[in-house]
Amino acid sequence: MLTRLTLIWIVFALVMGFWVGGSFVSAYLASPASQQRTPSQPQTLEQRHELSLEDRHQATEEAIAYYNLLLTIFTAILAVATILLFAATLGLYSGGKKQLELSRDAERRELRAYIGHWQMPFDGITNRVKYFDMNYGRTPARDVSMYVRVVSGGPPSTLDDELTESERQQVVQIVHPGQNVGRIIETATLTGPNDQFFLYGYVNYTDIFDYRWRHRFAFSYNPAAGSNATEWFVAYHQYNNELPLGRDPKA
């Protein structure tokens, strides 16, 4: 599109230049002053010479004035065309830059690491839960750290977004695609086989594009929820998601 606009602008400039130059010559050759002489003009050689010089001088001034007028119009049109061409160039640049950014975003989404929930078996005899996440992406995740908190009963009224260092359960330098990360976690003290507890936390990690992410998880454990052990853990709908944390400050 830019090449077409450039060619149109060049052709337009050449046509206008030819028109302005030709109009100057035609204005000089066909000036009104040179056509106003009548047979009643003086017939002496000296008078005819003086009138001829005067007529040519006047014709030249009129041609120059007419040329300046055309040149002004041409310059104005050329300025408008230049502004339009500049605006079109900016539009193409902006569109190309946006398209490039969209392509980069698609590439990051396609290739980056994705940490997500894998499994969470619970041993009711030892009161321990094995929580595991996995890298479901296509590239490794690095600087992976898992934070977990376990409380008795059902979900608390508020879930903290920032857990303490004492609740950090695991730190892994690199988690490759298909590799899991997890930890055996001691649950809250239970007084009976049907006691409930609530487990929640998050995993922070960095993808290969130096962006930080946080996978949040939260589950309720309730043995009375069903006859199958797989029904005892229920995902908490307000917390299981992924949050972007921005660029890695160490990158």
C-alpha atoms as a PDB file:
ATOM      1  CA  MET A   1       0.000   0.000   0.000  1.00  0.00           C
ATOM      2  CA  LEU A   2       2.852   2.388   0.789  1.00  0.00           C
ATOM      3  CA  THR A   3       4.461   1.791  -2.626  1.00  0.00           C
ATOM      4  CA  ARG A   4       1.215   2.590  -4.418  1.00  0.00           C
ATOM      5  CA  LEU A   5       0.772   5.839  -2.483  1.00  0.00           C
ATOM      6  CA  THR A   6       4.368   6.836  -3.227  1.00  0.00           C
ATOM      7  CA  LEU A   7       3.971   6.222  -6.976  1.00  0.00           C
ATOM      8  CA  ILE A   8       0.707   8.166  -7.054  1.00  0.00           C
ATOM      9  CA  TRP A   9       2.354  11.068  -5.238  1.00  0.00           C
ATOM     10  CA  ILE A  10       5.328  11.109  -7.664  1.00  0.00           C
ATOM     11  CA  VAL A  11       3.076  11.047 -10.738  1.00  0.00           C
ATOM     12  CA  PHE A  12       0.928  13.794  -9.247  1.00  0.00           C
ATOM     13  CA  ALA A  13       4.004  15.953  -8.580  1.00  0.00           C
ATOM     14  CA  LEU A  14       5.274  15.493 -12.162  1.00  0.00           C
ATOM     15  CA  VAL A  15       1.895  16.358 -13.681  1.00  0.00           C
ATOM     16  CA  MET A  16       1.540  19.455 -11.511  1.00  0.00           C
ATOM     17  CA  GLY A  17       5.110  20.551 -12.303  1.00  0.00           C
ATOM     18  CA  PHE A  18       4.516  20.157 -16.054  1.00  0.00           C
ATOM     19  CA  TRP A  19       1.246  22.067 -15.763  1.00  0.00           C
ATOM     20  CA  VAL A  20       2.789  24.936 -13.797  1.00  0.00           C
ATOM     21  CA  GLY A  21       5.785  25.239 -16.141  1.00  0.00           C
ATOM     22  CA  GLY A  22       3.599  25.133 -19.243  1.00  0.00           C
ATOM     23  CA  SER A  23       1.220  27.691 -17.817  1.00  0.00           C
ATOM     24  CA  PHE A  24       4.108  30.137 -17.321  1.00  0.00           C
ATOM     25  CA  VAL A  25       5.141  29.865 -20.970  1.00  0.00           C
ATOM     26  CA  SER A  26       1.591  30.124 -22.230  1.00  0.00           C
ATOM     27  CA  ALA A  27       0.896  33.109 -19.992  1.00  0.00           C
ATOM     28  CA  TYR A  28       3.950  34.870 -21.389  1.00  0.00           C
ATOM     29  CA  LEU A  29       3.227  34.114 -25.025  1.00  0.00           C
ATOM     30  CA  ALA A  30      -0.464  34.925 -24.799  1.00  0.00           C
ATOM     31  CA  SER A  31      -0.365  37.788 -22.313  1.00  0.00           C
ATOM     32  CA  PRO A  32      -3.209  40.345 -22.517  1.00  0.00           C
ATOM     33  CA  ALA A  33      -0.765  43.245 -22.929  1.00  0.00           C
ATOM     34  CA  SER A  34       0.725  41.818 -26.126  1.00  0.00           C
ATOM     35  CA  GLN A  35      -2.745  41.477 -27.643  1.00  0.00           C
ATOM     36  CA  GLN A  36      -4.031  44.988 -26.838  1.00  0.00           C
ATOM     37  CA  ARG A  37      -2.098  46.855 -29.501  1.00  0.00           C
ATOM     38  CA  THR A  38      -4.263  48.399 -32.259  1.00  0.00           C
ATOM     39  CA  PRO A  39      -3.460  50.080 -35.553  1.00  0.00           C
ATOM     40  CA  SER A  40      -3.910  53.492 -33.832  1.00  0.00           C
ATOM     41  CA  GLN A  41      -0.565  53.026 -31.960  1.00  0.00           C
ATOM     42  CA  PRO A  42       2.304  55.395 -32.976  1.00  0.00           C
ATOM     43  CA  GLN A  43       4.100  54.357 -36.113  1.00  0.00           C
ATOM     44  CA  THR A  44       7.560  55.851 -35.523  1.00  0.00           C
ATOM     45  CA  LEU A  45      10.396  53.384 -35.080  1.00  0.00           C
ATOM     46  CA  GLU A  46      11.463  54.840 -31.728  1.00  0.00           C
ATOM     47  CA  GLN A  47       7.911  54.825 -30.339  1.00  0.00           C
ATOM     48  CA  ARG A  48       7.305  51.290 -31.558  1.00  0.00           C
ATOM     49  CA  HIS A  49      10.555  50.163 -29.891  1.00  0.00           C
ATOM     50  CA  GLU A  50       9.635  51.801 -26.574  1.00  0.00           C
ATOM     51  CA  LEU A  51       6.124  50.329 -26.628  1.00  0.00           C
ATOM     52  CA  SER A  52       7.518  46.914 -27.537  1.00  0.00           C
ATOM     53  CA  LEU A  53       9.869  46.975 -24.526  1.00  0.00           C
ATOM     54  CA  GLU A  54       7.067  48.210 -22.280  1.00  0.00           C
ATOM     55  CA  ASP A  55       4.678  45.524 -23.544  1.00  0.00           C
ATOM     56  CA  ARG A  56       7.216  42.771 -23.059  1.00  0.00           C
ATOM     57  CA  HIS A  57       8.052  44.030 -19.567  1.00  0.00           C
ATOM     58  CA  GLN A  58       4.366  44.129 -18.640  1.00  0.00           C
ATOM     59  CA  ALA A  59       3.781  40.695 -20.159  1.00  0.00           C
ATOM     60  CA  THR A  60       6.714  39.296 -18.192  1.00  0.00           C
ATOM     61  CA  GLU A  61       5.374  40.727 -14.914  1.00  0.00           C
ATOM     62  CA  GLU A  62       1.905  39.340 -15.602  1.00  0.00           C
ATOM     63  CA  ALA A  63       3.354  35.941 -16.476  1.00  0.00           C
ATOM     64  CA  ILE A  64       5.434  35.913 -13.302  1.00  0.00           C
ATOM     65  CA  ALA A  65       2.393  36.902 -11.207  1.00  0.00           C
ATOM     66  CA  TYR A  66       0.315  34.197 -12.839  1.00  0.00           C
ATOM     67  CA  TYR A  67       3.139  31.709 -12.346  1.00  0.00           C
ATOM     68  CA  ASN A  68       3.429  32.649  -8.652  1.00  0.00           C
ATOM     69  CA  LEU A  69      -0.298  32.113  -8.239  1.00  0.00           C
ATOM     70  CA  LEU A  70      -0.107  28.685  -9.836  1.00  0.00           C
ATOM     71  CA  LEU A  71       3.011  27.876  -7.821  1.00  0.00           C
ATOM     72  CA  THR A  72       1.192  28.810  -4.607  1.00  0.00           C
ATOM     73  CA  ILE A  73      -1.751  26.579  -5.507  1.00  0.00           C
ATOM     74  CA  PHE A  74       0.593  23.767  -6.456  1.00  0.00           C
ATOM     75  CA  THR A  75       2.555  24.145  -3.206  1.00  0.00           C
ATOM     76  CA  ALA A  76      -0.657  24.034  -1.174  1.00  0.00           C
ATOM     77  CA  ILE A  77      -1.835  20.905  -2.989  1.00  0.00           C
ATOM     78  CA  LEU A  78       1.609  19.359  -2.622  1.00  0.00           C
ATOM     79  CA  ALA A  79       1.589  20.137   1.116  1.00  0.00           C
ATOM     80  CA  VAL A  80      -1.807  18.493   1.520  1.00  0.00           C
ATOM     81  CA  ALA A  81      -0.640  15.453  -0.449  1.00  0.00           C
ATOM     82  CA  THR A  82       2.519  15.248   1.686  1.00  0.00           C
ATOM     83  CA  ILE A  83       0.495  15.429   4.894  1.00  0.00           C
ATOM     84  CA  LEU A  84      -1.819  12.686   3.658  1.00  0.00           C
ATOM     85  CA  LEU A  85       1.149  10.553   2.666  1.00  0.00           C
ATOM     86  CA  PHE A  86       2.764  11.138   6.057  1.00  0.00           C
ATOM     87  CA  ALA A  87      -0.484  10.206   7.817  1.00  0.00           C
ATOM     88  CA  ALA A  88      -0.755   7.043   5.714  1.00  0.00           C
ATOM     89  CA  THR A  89       2.846   6.159   6.576  1.00  0.00           C
ATOM     90  CA  LEU A  90       2.166   6.632  10.288  1.00  0.00           C
ATOM     91  CA  GLY A  91      -0.941   4.476   9.967  1.00  0.00           C
ATOM     92  CA  LEU A  92       1.031   1.710   8.284  1.00  0.00           C
ATOM     93  CA  TYR A  93       3.760   1.930  10.915  1.00  0.00           C
ATOM     94  CA  SER A  94       1.269   1.842  13.758  1.00  0.00           C
ATOM     95  CA  GLY A  95      -0.622  -1.068  12.202  1.00  0.00           C
ATOM     96  CA  GLY A  96       2.582  -2.990  11.572  1.00  0.00           C
ATOM     97  CA  LYS A  97       3.806  -2.383  15.110  1.00  0.00           C
ATOM     98  CA  LYS A  98       0.490  -3.554  16.554  1.00  0.00           C
ATOM     99  CA  GLN A  99       0.502  -6.634  14.343  1.00  0.00           C
ATOM    100  CA  LEU A 100       4.056  -7.431  15.441  1.00  0.00           C
ATOM    101  CA  GLU A 101       3.079  -7.125  19.100  1.00  0.00           C
ATOM    102  CA  LEU A 102       0.063  -9.392  18.539  1.00  0.00           C
ATOM    103  CA  SER A 103       2.328 -11.949  16.880  1.00  0.00           C
ATOM    104  CA  ARG A 104       4.730 -11.801  19.808  1.00  0.00           C
ATOM    105  CA  ASP A 105       1.879 -12.225  22.290  1.00  0.00           C
ATOM    106  CA  ALA A 106       0.629 -15.257  20.367  1.00  0.00           C
ATOM    107  CA  GLU A 107       4.143 -16.686  20.349  1.00  0.00           C
ATOM    108  CA  ARG A 108       4.485 -16.184  24.106  1.00  0.00           C
ATOM    109  CA  ARG A 109       1.107 -17.816  24.765  1.00  0.00           C
ATOM    110  CA  GLU A 110       1.994 -20.732  22.511  1.00  0.00           C
ATOM    111  CA  LEU A 111       5.480 -21.431  23.856  1.00  0.00           C
ATOM    112  CA  ARG A 112       5.546 -20.365  27.494  1.00  0.00           C
ATOM    113  CA  ALA A 113       5.301 -22.599  30.552  1.00  0.00           C
ATOM    114  CA  TYR A 114       1.926 -23.244  32.200  1.00  0.00           C
ATOM    115  CA  ILE A 115       1.900 -24.448  35.795  1.00  0.00           C
ATOM    116  CA  GLY A 116      -1.426 -26.073  36.743  1.00  0.00           C
ATOM    117  CA  HIS A 117      -2.997 -28.538  39.169  1.00  0.00           C
ATOM    118  CA  TRP A 118      -2.133 -32.202  38.700  1.00  0.00           C
ATOM    119  CA  GLN A 119      -3.275 -34.278  41.675  1.00  0.00           C
ATOM    120  CA  MET A 120      -3.764 -34.196  45.442  1.00  0.00           C
ATOM    121  CA  PRO A 121      -3.973 -37.605  47.194  1.00  0.00           C
ATOM    122  CA  PHE A 122      -4.704 -37.594  50.939  1.00  0.00           C
ATOM    123  CA  ASP A 123      -3.603 -40.180  53.517  1.00  0.00           C
ATOM    124  CA  GLY A 124      -6.231 -40.232  56.258  1.00  0.00           C
ATOM    125  CA  ILE A 125      -4.052 -42.360  58.539  1.00  0.00           C
ATOM    126  CA  THR A 126      -1.112 -39.967  58.698  1.00  0.00           C
ATOM    127  CA  ASN A 127      -3.234 -36.861  57.986  1.00  0.00           C
ATOM    128  CA  ARG A 128      -0.955 -35.878  55.161  1.00  0.00           C
ATOM    129  CA  VAL A 129      -1.870 -34.507  51.764  1.00  0.00           C
ATOM    130  CA  LYS A 130       0.392 -34.740  48.721  1.00  0.00           C
ATOM    131  CA  TYR A 131      -0.240 -31.706  46.580  1.00  0.00           C
ATOM    132  CA  PHE A 132       1.233 -31.664  43.042  1.00  0.00           C
ATOM    133  CA  ASP A 133       1.290 -29.187  40.171  1.00  0.00           C
ATOM    134  CA  MET A 134       2.647 -29.817  36.683  1.00  0.00           C
ATOM    135  CA  ASN A 135       4.158 -27.783  33.866  1.00  0.00           C
ATOM    136  CA  TYR A 136       1.640 -28.183  31.041  1.00  0.00           C
ATOM    137  CA  GLY A 137       3.485 -25.759  28.756  1.00  0.00           C
ATOM    138  CA  ARG A 138       5.999 -26.326  25.978  1.00  0.00           C
ATOM    139  CA  THR A 139       9.040 -24.721  27.617  1.00  0.00           C
ATOM    140  CA  PRO A 140      10.621 -24.905  31.087  1.00  0.00           C
ATOM    141  CA  ALA A 141       9.512 -22.826  34.057  1.00  0.00           C
ATOM    142  CA  ARG A 142      12.253 -21.459  36.294  1.00  0.00           C
ATOM    143  CA  ASP A 143      12.504 -19.990  39.785  1.00  0.00           C
ATOM    144  CA  VAL A 144       9.494 -22.057  40.856  1.00  0.00           C
ATOM    145  CA  SER A 145       8.297 -21.668  44.452  1.00  0.00           C
ATOM    146  CA  MET A 146       5.210 -23.187  46.101  1.00  0.00           C
ATOM    147  CA  TYR A 147       3.373 -21.705  49.075  1.00  0.00           C
ATOM    148  CA  VAL A 148       0.662 -23.667  50.893  1.00  0.00           C
ATOM    149  CA  ARG A 149      -1.588 -22.997  53.887  1.00  0.00           C
ATOM    150  CA  VAL A 150      -3.898 -25.531  55.544  1.00  0.00           C
ATOM    151  CA  VAL A 151      -6.703 -24.564  57.954  1.00  0.00           C
ATOM    152  CA  SER A 152      -9.304 -26.637  59.803  1.00  0.00           C
ATOM    153  CA  GLY A 153     -12.925 -26.629  58.723  1.00  0.00           C
ATOM    154  CA  GLY A 154     -14.327 -24.994  55.622  1.00  0.00           C
ATOM    155  CA  PRO A 155     -13.039 -22.067  53.572  1.00  0.00           C
ATOM    156  CA  PRO A 156     -12.061 -18.992  55.630  1.00  0.00           C
ATOM    157  CA  SER A 157     -13.815 -15.674  55.025  1.00  0.00           C
ATOM    158  CA  THR A 158     -10.730 -14.262  53.280  1.00  0.00           C
ATOM    159  CA  LEU A 159      -7.793 -15.899  51.551  1.00  0.00           C
ATOM    160  CA  ASP A 160      -4.437 -14.178  51.852  1.00  0.00           C
ATOM    161  CA  ASP A 161      -2.750 -13.338  48.571  1.00  0.00           C
ATOM    162  CA  GLU A 162       0.686 -13.232  50.174  1.00  0.00           C
ATOM    163  CA  LEU A 163       1.702 -16.160  52.372  1.00  0.00           C
ATOM    164  CA  THR A 164       4.644 -16.185  54.758  1.00  0.00           C
ATOM    165  CA  GLU A 165       8.101 -17.612  54.142  1.00  0.00           C
ATOM    166  CA  SER A 166       7.380 -20.334  56.719  1.00  0.00           C
ATOM    167  CA  GLU A 167       4.571 -21.534  54.409  1.00  0.00           C
ATOM    168  CA  ARG A 168       6.846 -21.903  51.420  1.00  0.00           C
ATOM    169  CA  GLN A 169       6.879 -25.642  50.797  1.00  0.00           C
ATOM    170  CA  GLN A 170       9.059 -26.088  47.750  1.00  0.00           C
ATOM    171  CA  VAL A 171      11.631 -24.236  45.647  1.00  0.00           C
ATOM    172  CA  VAL A 172      12.757 -25.627  42.279  1.00  0.00           C
ATOM    173  CA  GLN A 173      15.154 -23.926  39.906  1.00  0.00           C
ATOM    174  CA  ILE A 174      13.701 -25.444  36.713  1.00  0.00           C
ATOM    175  CA  VAL A 175      10.523 -27.454  36.033  1.00  0.00           C
ATOM    176  CA  HIS A 176      10.544 -28.934  32.531  1.00  0.00           C
ATOM    177  CA  PRO A 177       7.420 -29.586  30.405  1.00  0.00           C
ATOM    178  CA  GLY A 178       5.530 -32.589  31.770  1.00  0.00           C
ATOM    179  CA  GLN A 179       7.432 -32.474  35.049  1.00  0.00           C
ATOM    180  CA  ASN A 180       5.540 -32.088  38.331  1.00  0.00           C
ATOM    181  CA  VAL A 181       6.384 -30.172  41.458  1.00  0.00           C
ATOM    182  CA  GLY A 182       4.815 -30.807  44.848  1.00  0.00           C
ATOM    183  CA  ARG A 183       5.226 -31.628  48.473  1.00  0.00           C
ATOM    184  CA  ILE A 184       3.820 -33.797  51.257  1.00  0.00           C
ATOM    185  CA  ILE A 185       2.055 -31.368  53.557  1.00  0.00           C
ATOM    186  CA  GLU A 186       1.014 -31.887  57.141  1.00  0.00           C
ATOM    187  CA  THR A 187      -2.647 -30.975  57.547  1.00  0.00           C
ATOM    188  CA  ALA A 188      -4.251 -29.356  60.533  1.00  0.00           C
ATOM    189  CA  THR A 189      -4.848 -31.607  63.551  1.00  0.00           C
ATOM    190  CA  LEU A 190      -7.933 -33.714  62.945  1.00  0.00           C
ATOM    191  CA  THR A 191     -10.103 -35.070  65.742  1.00  0.00           C
ATOM    192  CA  GLY A 192     -12.127 -37.566  63.692  1.00  0.00           C
ATOM    193  CA  PRO A 193     -12.292 -39.359  60.337  1.00  0.00           C
ATOM    194  CA  ASN A 194     -14.914 -36.943  59.017  1.00  0.00           C
ATOM    195  CA  ASP A 195     -13.146 -33.717  59.916  1.00  0.00           C
ATOM    196  CA  GLN A 196     -12.794 -31.159  57.179  1.00  0.00           C
ATOM    197  CA  PHE A 197      -9.856 -28.954  56.221  1.00  0.00           C
ATOM    198  CA  PHE A 198      -9.162 -26.309  53.607  1.00  0.00           C
ATOM    199  CA  LEU A 199      -5.911 -26.125  51.598  1.00  0.00           C
ATOM    200  CA  TYR A 200      -4.886 -23.192  49.459  1.00  0.00           C
ATOM    201  CA  GLY A 201      -1.803 -21.454  48.130  1.00  0.00           C
ATOM    202  CA  TYR A 202       0.027 -20.600  44.935  1.00  0.00           C
ATOM    203  CA  VAL A 203       3.025 -21.371  42.760  1.00  0.00           C
ATOM    204  CA  ASN A 204       5.166 -18.508  41.457  1.00  0.00           C
ATOM    205  CA  TYR A 205       7.293 -19.087  38.374  1.00  0.00           C
ATOM    206  CA  THR A 206       9.053 -17.373  35.459  1.00  0.00           C
ATOM    207  CA  ASP A 207       8.681 -18.351  31.795  1.00  0.00           C
ATOM    208  CA  ILE A 208      11.386 -18.242  29.112  1.00  0.00           C
ATOM    209  CA  PHE A 209      10.276 -14.723  28.104  1.00  0.00           C
ATOM    210  CA  ASP A 210      11.125 -13.422  31.610  1.00  0.00           C
ATOM    211  CA  TYR A 211       7.519 -12.925  32.663  1.00  0.00           C
ATOM    212  CA  ARG A 212       6.434 -13.877  36.178  1.00  0.00           C
ATOM    213  CA  TRP A 213       3.202 -15.834  36.806  1.00  0.00           C
ATOM    214  CA  ARG A 214       1.235 -17.097  39.778  1.00  0.00           C
ATOM    215  CA  HIS A 215      -0.935 -20.208  39.677  1.00  0.00           C
ATOM    216  CA  ARG A 216      -3.379 -20.088  42.605  1.00  0.00           C
ATOM    217  CA  PHE A 217      -5.139 -23.171  43.975  1.00  0.00           C
ATOM    218  CA  ALA A 218      -7.673 -23.828  46.740  1.00  0.00           C
ATOM    219  CA  PHE A 219      -9.504 -27.033  47.723  1.00  0.00           C
ATOM    220  CA  SER A 220     -11.895 -28.111  50.455  1.00  0.00           C
ATOM    221  CA  TYR A 221     -11.573 -31.602  51.936  1.00  0.00           C
ATOM    222  CA  ASN A 222     -14.869 -33.094  53.142  1.00  0.00           C
ATOM    223  CA  PRO A 223     -15.127 -36.911  53.565  1.00  0.00           C
ATOM    224  CA  ALA A 224     -18.892 -36.619  53.976  1.00  0.00           C
ATOM    225  CA  ALA A 225     -19.263 -35.178  50.441  1.00  0.00           C
ATOM    226  CA  GLY A 226     -19.463 -38.624  48.780  1.00  0.00           C
ATOM    227  CA  SER A 227     -18.583 -42.274  48.905  1.00  0.00           C
ATOM    228  CA  ASN A 228     -15.625 -41.935  46.518  1.00  0.00           C
ATOM    229  CA  ALA A 229     -12.350 -40.397  47.664  1.00  0.00           C
ATOM    230  CA  THR A 230     -12.186 -38.355  44.450  1.00  0.00           C
ATOM    231  CA  GLU A 231     -15.307 -36.492  45.593  1.00  0.00           C
ATOM    232  CA  TRP A 232     -13.811 -35.435  48.892  1.00  0.00           C
ATOM    233  CA  PHE A 233     -11.754 -32.602  47.395  1.00  0.00           C
ATOM    234  CA  VAL A 234     -13.777 -29.722  45.927  1.00  0.00           C
ATOM    235  CA  ALA A 235     -12.099 -26.850  44.075  1.00  0.00           C
ATOM    236  CA  TYR A 236     -12.793 -23.428  45.541  1.00  0.00           C
ATOM    237  CA  HIS A 237     -14.270 -21.388  42.686  1.00  0.00           C
ATOM    238  CA  GLN A 238     -12.950 -17.984  43.808  1.00  0.00           C
ATOM    239  CA  TYR A 239      -9.257 -18.801  43.899  1.00  0.00           C
ATOM    240  CA  ASN A 240      -8.231 -21.339  41.252  1.00  0.00           C
ATOM    241  CA  ASN A 241      -6.799 -19.150  38.504  1.00  0.00           C
ATOM    242  CA  GLU A 242      -3.633 -17.645  37.067  1.00  0.00           C
ATOM    243  CA  LEU A 243      -2.345 -14.128  37.674  1.00  0.00           C
ATOM    244  CA  PRO A 244       0.320 -12.244  35.686  1.00  0.00           C
ATOM    245  CA  LEU A 245       3.012 -10.689  37.901  1.00  0.00           C
ATOM    246  CA  GLY A 246       4.769  -8.632  35.214  1.00  0.00           C
ATOM    247  CA  ARG A 247       8.358  -8.738  34.025  1.00  0.00           C
ATOM    248  CA  ASP A 248      10.920 -10.509  36.121  1.00  0.00           C
ATOM    249  CA  PRO A 249      12.882  -7.734  37.903  1.00  0.00           C
ATOM    250  CA  LYS A 250      16.028  -9.868  37.707  1.00  0.00           C
ATOM    251  CA  ALA A 251      15.845 -10.186  33.931  1.00  0.00           C
END
